Amino acid sequence: MTQLNFHHLRYFWSVAKEGNLTRAARQLHVSQSALSAQIKQLELDLGQQLFQRTGRTLTLTEAGHVALAYADGIFASGNELVQVLRQGRREERQILRIGAVATASRNFQENFIRPVLDRDDVELVLVSGSLPELLARLRVHSIDLVLCNQRVHSTASDPWRCRRIARQPVSLIGRPDTAPFRFPDDLARVPLLLPGRDNEMRTTFDLRCEQLGIRYRARAEVDDMALLRLLARDSAGVALMPTVVAQDELASGRLVELAVVPDLYENFYGVTVQRRYEPPLIGQLLSRPDADVLTPPADRGDERRT
């Protein structure tokens, strides 16, 4: 069996971290040709291509991302060895990279990651963006999971794995002084705070109102669920949203659930990409029941807060 050449691995790690062969060669005080030759030798030893070469651009392959994760661990262990012998302490951490669409409920995101929030051995990297941006990052394995509220379909070029994490009825939510509220009779009399027209929840709601022959008054259209919650709290408008979005205000009584819209649901999805190596924590987080990601921790009991 070929033994791993840690010298070659260090060169690979430097190029992967720097993202540029020229800069890495300058930092390592070697020529570009020598650096490139040693990385090619590492690829031969491992039997895997670590970089996709397009002109002068180097992009990590899936095997390259796996090798980088191991290299991070190997060199972190070297640093740990120094800490243990010099300072008498040891620190072990896993890195979990999760992306969420910018319009997704912040409460849902926090509930989803809550099981690992207090773990000293886990480092969370949380990013937000549009769904195409996040899928592009998932494609090259710079993040491990995308949280979104629309189904993503797999294609031959992009073998996405889209799993529904939770499903929740959509409600009309407002301040206590808005009650009592009768659905659908009172829709026409109150100003509504609605998700944007590109939101599937909004599209279904508009169709339901059309079927019922109801013309409503839209006070605001808001893509961001956090802002929609704030407007519901601080104005006389009634917001269309899942209760998870306003879970803290509902618990405190600052907002109340006025009505549940029949046959209207918000779905929450987790998207991964087909790969040979997946962080085990991803599977653990995705396998939790709906209640764990839709219910505030205070309502789940102390045993579920860890």
Protein backbone atom coordinates (compact mmCIF):
# COMPACT_ATOMS: atom_id res chain seq x y z
CA MET A 1 0.00 0.00 0.00
CA THR A 2 1.30 3.45 -0.96
CA GLN A 3 1.97 5.55 2.11
CA LEU A 4 0.65 9.10 2.19
CA ASN A 5 3.32 11.71 1.52
CA PHE A 6 2.50 14.46 3.99
CA HIS A 7 4.81 16.86 2.19
CA HIS A 8 2.69 16.52 -0.95
CA LEU A 9 -0.47 16.82 1.14
CA ARG A 10 0.77 20.09 2.63
CA TYR A 11 1.36 21.45 -0.87
CA PHE A 12 -2.15 20.39 -1.95
CA TRP A 13 -3.65 21.92 1.19
CA SER A 14 -1.89 25.24 0.59
CA VAL A 15 -3.09 25.45 -3.02
CA ALA A 16 -6.66 24.49 -2.04
CA LYS A 17 -6.72 27.09 0.73
CA GLU A 18 -5.13 29.81 -1.38
CA GLY A 19 -7.16 28.97 -4.47
CA ASN A 20 -4.27 29.97 -6.69
CA LEU A 21 -1.17 28.05 -7.73
CA THR A 22 0.99 31.15 -8.15
CA ARG A 23 0.25 32.59 -4.72
CA ALA A 24 0.65 29.21 -3.04
CA ALA A 25 4.03 28.67 -4.74
CA ARG A 26 5.15 32.11 -3.57
CA GLN A 27 4.14 31.38 0.02
CA LEU A 28 5.82 27.95 -0.03
CA HIS A 29 8.98 29.33 -1.72
CA VAL A 30 8.87 26.77 -4.53
CA SER A 31 8.40 27.08 -8.27
CA GLN A 32 4.96 26.64 -9.80
CA SER A 33 6.19 23.71 -11.88
CA ALA A 34 7.54 21.91 -8.80
CA LEU A 35 4.34 22.55 -6.88
CA SER A 36 2.19 21.32 -9.75
CA ALA A 37 4.33 18.19 -10.14
CA GLN A 38 4.01 17.29 -6.45
CA ILE A 39 0.23 17.71 -6.51
CA LYS A 40 0.03 15.48 -9.59
CA GLN A 41 2.08 12.89 -7.73
CA LEU A 42 -0.36 13.06 -4.80
CA GLU A 43 -3.23 12.52 -7.23
CA LEU A 44 -1.45 9.46 -8.63
CA ASP A 45 -0.85 8.10 -5.14
CA LEU A 46 -4.50 8.59 -4.16
CA GLY A 47 -5.88 7.42 -7.49
CA GLN A 48 -8.17 10.46 -7.65
CA GLN A 49 -8.13 13.80 -9.44
CA LEU A 50 -8.16 16.51 -6.78
CA PHE A 51 -8.41 19.59 -8.99
CA GLN A 52 -10.38 20.31 -12.13
CA ARG A 53 -8.06 22.36 -14.33
CA THR A 54 -9.60 24.89 -16.71
CA GLY A 55 -6.90 27.12 -18.10
CA ARG A 56 -5.30 28.75 -15.07
CA THR A 57 -8.29 28.08 -12.84
CA LEU A 58 -8.16 25.25 -10.29
CA THR A 59 -11.45 23.97 -8.87
CA LEU A 60 -11.67 21.23 -6.27
CA THR A 61 -13.35 18.02 -7.40
CA GLU A 62 -15.52 16.04 -4.98
CA ALA A 63 -12.47 13.94 -4.12
CA GLY A 64 -10.55 17.19 -3.68
CA HIS A 65 -13.10 18.45 -1.16
CA VAL A 66 -12.86 15.17 0.73
CA ALA A 67 -9.06 15.36 0.68
CA LEU A 68 -9.20 18.96 1.88
CA ALA A 69 -11.47 17.99 4.79
CA TYR A 70 -9.01 15.26 5.80
CA ALA A 71 -6.06 17.61 5.35
CA ASP A 72 -7.78 20.17 7.58
CA GLY A 73 -8.15 17.46 10.21
CA ILE A 74 -4.60 16.20 9.84
CA PHE A 75 -3.00 19.61 10.18
CA ALA A 76 -5.44 20.59 12.93
CA SER A 77 -4.30 17.45 14.77
CA GLY A 78 -0.71 18.64 14.40
CA ASN A 79 -1.66 21.94 15.98
CA GLU A 80 -3.57 20.04 18.66
CA LEU A 81 -0.46 17.98 19.43
CA VAL A 82 1.42 21.20 20.13
CA GLN A 83 -1.44 22.45 22.35
CA VAL A 84 -1.60 19.19 24.31
CA LEU A 85 2.12 19.01 24.97
CA ARG A 86 2.65 22.72 25.60
CA GLN A 87 -0.63 23.70 27.24
CA GLY A 88 -2.12 20.41 28.41
CA ARG A 89 -5.45 20.84 26.62
CA ARG A 90 -7.22 19.33 23.62
CA GLU A 91 -9.98 20.62 21.34
CA GLU A 92 -11.97 18.59 18.77
CA ARG A 93 -14.41 20.22 16.37
CA GLN A 94 -16.53 19.26 13.36
CA ILE A 95 -17.44 21.88 10.75
CA LEU A 96 -21.01 21.93 9.43
CA ARG A 97 -21.79 24.32 6.56
CA ILE A 98 -25.47 25.15 6.04
CA GLY A 99 -26.98 27.59 3.57
CA ALA A 100 -30.53 28.96 3.80
CA VAL A 101 -32.52 31.03 1.34
CA ALA A 102 -32.64 34.62 2.51
CA THR A 103 -36.46 34.61 2.67
CA ALA A 104 -36.73 31.54 4.93
CA SER A 105 -38.01 31.87 8.48
CA ARG A 106 -35.18 32.62 10.91
CA ASN A 107 -37.07 30.73 13.63
CA PHE A 108 -37.25 27.63 11.46
CA GLN A 109 -33.52 27.87 10.77
CA GLU A 110 -32.69 28.24 14.46
CA ASN A 111 -35.00 25.38 15.42
CA PHE A 112 -33.38 23.19 12.77
CA ILE A 113 -29.81 23.72 14.01
CA ARG A 114 -30.72 23.79 17.71
CA PRO A 115 -29.47 20.22 18.44
CA VAL A 116 -25.90 21.24 17.55
CA LEU A 117 -25.90 24.83 18.83
CA ASP A 118 -24.55 23.95 22.25
CA ARG A 119 -22.11 21.26 21.13
CA ASP A 120 -18.50 22.22 21.75
CA ASP A 121 -17.33 19.78 19.07
CA VAL A 122 -19.30 21.42 16.24
CA GLU A 123 -18.50 24.62 14.41
CA LEU A 124 -21.41 25.98 12.37
CA VAL A 125 -20.93 27.99 9.20
CA LEU A 126 -24.28 29.57 8.25
CA VAL A 127 -24.74 31.44 4.99
CA SER A 128 -27.76 32.96 3.24
CA GLY A 129 -28.51 33.83 -0.35
CA SER A 130 -30.79 33.10 -3.25
CA LEU A 131 -31.60 29.49 -4.08
CA PRO A 132 -29.52 29.49 -7.31
CA GLU A 133 -26.53 30.94 -5.42
CA LEU A 134 -26.75 28.33 -2.69
CA LEU A 135 -27.22 25.43 -5.10
CA ALA A 136 -24.13 26.59 -6.97
CA ARG A 137 -22.16 26.38 -3.72
CA LEU A 138 -23.71 23.02 -2.87
CA ARG A 139 -22.70 21.74 -6.32
CA VAL A 140 -19.02 22.30 -5.55
CA HIS A 141 -19.40 21.12 -1.92
CA SER A 142 -18.51 24.43 -0.31
CA ILE A 143 -21.68 23.95 1.77
CA ASP A 144 -23.21 20.68 2.97
CA LEU A 145 -26.93 21.49 2.99
CA VAL A 146 -29.41 24.05 1.65
CA LEU A 147 -32.58 24.93 3.56
CA CYS A 148 -35.41 26.30 1.42
CA ASN A 149 -39.19 26.43 1.10
CA GLN A 150 -39.60 25.06 -2.42
CA ARG A 151 -38.93 21.64 -3.86
CA VAL A 152 -35.76 21.27 -5.91
CA HIS A 153 -35.89 18.65 -8.64
CA SER A 154 -32.92 16.48 -9.56
CA THR A 155 -31.51 16.47 -13.07
CA ALA A 156 -28.92 14.40 -14.88
CA SER A 157 -26.32 17.14 -14.39
CA ASP A 158 -27.39 18.05 -10.85
CA PRO A 159 -28.35 14.99 -8.77
CA TRP A 160 -29.97 16.96 -5.95
CA ARG A 161 -31.50 15.10 -3.05
CA CYS A 162 -34.44 17.15 -1.83
CA ARG A 163 -36.13 16.04 1.38
CA ARG A 164 -39.14 17.65 3.01
CA ILE A 165 -38.13 18.46 6.57
CA ALA A 166 -41.46 19.72 7.85
CA ARG A 167 -44.91 20.88 6.79
CA GLN A 168 -47.04 23.44 8.61
CA PRO A 169 -50.47 24.99 7.97
CA VAL A 170 -50.43 28.67 7.00
CA SER A 171 -52.27 31.09 9.29
CA LEU A 172 -53.44 34.67 9.43
CA ILE A 173 -51.65 36.32 12.33
CA GLY A 174 -52.14 39.75 13.87
CA ARG A 175 -52.16 41.75 17.08
CA PRO A 176 -54.65 40.81 19.82
CA ASP A 177 -56.75 43.90 19.10
CA THR A 178 -57.46 42.51 15.61
CA ALA A 179 -59.51 39.67 17.10
CA PRO A 180 -62.13 38.39 16.74
CA PHE A 181 -61.53 37.47 13.13
CA ARG A 182 -63.72 35.29 10.93
CA PHE A 183 -62.29 33.53 7.92
CA PRO A 184 -63.04 34.21 5.11
CA ASP A 185 -65.65 36.89 5.87
CA ASP A 186 -63.22 39.40 7.42
CA LEU A 187 -60.55 39.17 4.73
CA ALA A 188 -61.99 42.13 2.87
CA ARG A 189 -62.05 44.44 5.91
CA VAL A 190 -58.48 44.16 7.22
CA PRO A 191 -55.21 45.26 5.54
CA LEU A 192 -53.14 42.20 4.69
CA LEU A 193 -49.38 41.71 4.91
CA LEU A 194 -48.48 39.11 2.32
CA PRO A 195 -45.45 37.23 1.00
CA GLY A 196 -44.25 38.31 -2.44
CA ARG A 197 -46.00 37.05 -5.56
CA ASP A 198 -43.18 34.62 -6.36
CA ASN A 199 -43.88 32.75 -3.11
CA GLU A 200 -45.80 29.51 -3.59
CA MET A 201 -47.78 30.19 -0.41
CA ARG A 202 -48.95 33.55 -1.82
CA THR A 203 -49.90 32.00 -5.17
CA THR A 204 -52.08 29.38 -3.50
CA PHE A 205 -53.68 31.99 -1.22
CA ASP A 206 -54.58 34.21 -4.18
CA LEU A 207 -56.13 31.25 -5.94
CA ARG A 208 -58.17 30.40 -2.84
CA CYS A 209 -59.45 33.99 -2.59
CA GLU A 210 -60.36 33.97 -6.27
CA GLN A 211 -62.32 30.74 -5.81
CA LEU A 212 -64.17 32.30 -2.86
CA GLY A 213 -64.84 35.51 -4.77
CA ILE A 214 -62.96 37.62 -2.18
CA ARG A 215 -61.12 40.85 -2.95
CA TYR A 216 -58.66 41.69 -0.19
CA ARG A 217 -56.68 44.83 0.65
CA ALA A 218 -52.93 44.31 0.49
CA ARG A 219 -51.05 46.66 2.83
CA ALA A 220 -47.60 45.30 1.95
CA GLU A 221 -45.88 42.52 0.01
CA VAL A 222 -42.77 41.24 1.80
CA ASP A 223 -40.36 38.53 0.69
CA ASP A 224 -38.47 38.36 4.00
CA MET A 225 -40.37 36.39 6.65
CA ALA A 226 -38.58 38.15 9.51
CA LEU A 227 -39.71 41.53 8.22
CA LEU A 228 -43.23 40.21 7.67
CA ARG A 229 -43.31 39.18 11.34
CA LEU A 230 -42.14 42.62 12.48
CA LEU A 231 -44.77 44.38 10.39
CA ALA A 232 -47.47 42.15 11.86
CA ARG A 233 -46.22 43.00 15.35
CA ASP A 234 -45.87 46.73 14.82
CA SER A 235 -48.83 47.58 12.58
CA ALA A 236 -52.55 46.93 12.34
CA GLY A 237 -52.04 44.59 9.38
CA VAL A 238 -52.78 40.87 9.39
CA ALA A 239 -49.96 38.68 8.08
CA LEU A 240 -50.13 35.47 6.10
CA MET A 241 -47.45 33.13 7.47
CA PRO A 242 -46.77 29.79 9.18
CA THR A 243 -46.86 30.09 12.97
CA VAL A 244 -43.17 29.10 13.25
CA VAL A 245 -42.28 32.52 11.82
CA ALA A 246 -43.88 34.30 14.79
CA GLN A 247 -43.41 31.62 17.45
CA ASP A 248 -41.88 33.97 20.06
CA GLU A 249 -44.54 36.68 19.64
CA LEU A 250 -47.31 34.07 19.75
CA ALA A 251 -45.85 32.62 22.94
CA SER A 252 -45.65 36.07 24.57
CA GLY A 253 -49.11 37.14 23.39
CA ARG A 254 -47.88 40.08 21.32
CA LEU A 255 -49.39 38.32 18.29
CA VAL A 256 -52.28 35.86 18.02
CA GLU A 257 -53.30 33.28 15.46
CA LEU A 258 -56.54 34.64 14.02
CA ALA A 259 -57.35 31.83 11.60
CA VAL A 260 -55.84 28.83 9.86
CA VAL A 261 -56.23 29.03 6.09
CA PRO A 262 -57.80 25.74 4.93
CA ASP A 263 -55.68 23.52 2.68
CA LEU A 264 -52.75 25.93 2.62
CA TYR A 265 -49.35 24.73 3.84
CA GLU A 266 -45.74 25.87 3.95
CA ASN A 267 -43.21 23.15 3.21
CA PHE A 268 -39.62 23.29 4.43
CA TYR A 269 -36.98 21.36 2.48
CA GLY A 270 -33.39 20.30 2.94
CA VAL A 271 -31.33 19.86 -0.21
CA THR A 272 -28.10 17.89 -0.43
CA VAL A 273 -26.17 16.68 -3.45
CA GLN A 274 -25.44 13.07 -4.23
CA ARG A 275 -21.95 12.34 -3.00
CA ARG A 276 -19.96 9.48 -1.59
CA TYR A 277 -19.01 11.32 1.58
CA GLU A 278 -21.57 13.22 3.63
CA PRO A 279 -21.17 14.62 7.15
CA PRO A 280 -23.11 12.26 9.48
CA LEU A 281 -24.65 15.23 11.31
CA ILE A 282 -26.62 16.13 8.18
CA GLY A 283 -28.54 12.87 8.26
CA GLN A 284 -29.23 13.28 11.97
CA LEU A 285 -30.64 16.77 11.52
CA LEU A 286 -32.77 15.83 8.52
CA SER A 287 -34.33 12.80 10.24
CA ARG A 288 -35.95 14.76 13.09
CA PRO A 289 -39.78 14.90 13.35
CA ASP A 290 -41.78 17.99 12.34
CA ALA A 291 -42.42 19.00 15.93
CA ASP A 292 -38.73 19.45 16.63
CA VAL A 293 -38.25 22.04 13.90
CA LEU A 294 -41.62 23.79 14.13
CA THR A 295 -42.18 24.04 17.88
CA PRO A 296 -40.45 26.56 20.17
CA PRO A 297 -38.05 24.86 22.62
CA ALA A 298 -40.08 26.04 25.61
CA ASP A 299 -43.03 24.00 24.32
CA ARG A 300 -41.03 20.81 23.76
CA GLY A 301 -39.84 20.23 27.30
CA ASP A 302 -36.36 20.43 28.76
CA GLU A 303 -35.41 17.00 27.46
CA ARG A 304 -35.55 18.26 23.86
CA ARG A 305 -33.47 21.35 24.30
CA THR A 306 -30.13 19.63 23.81
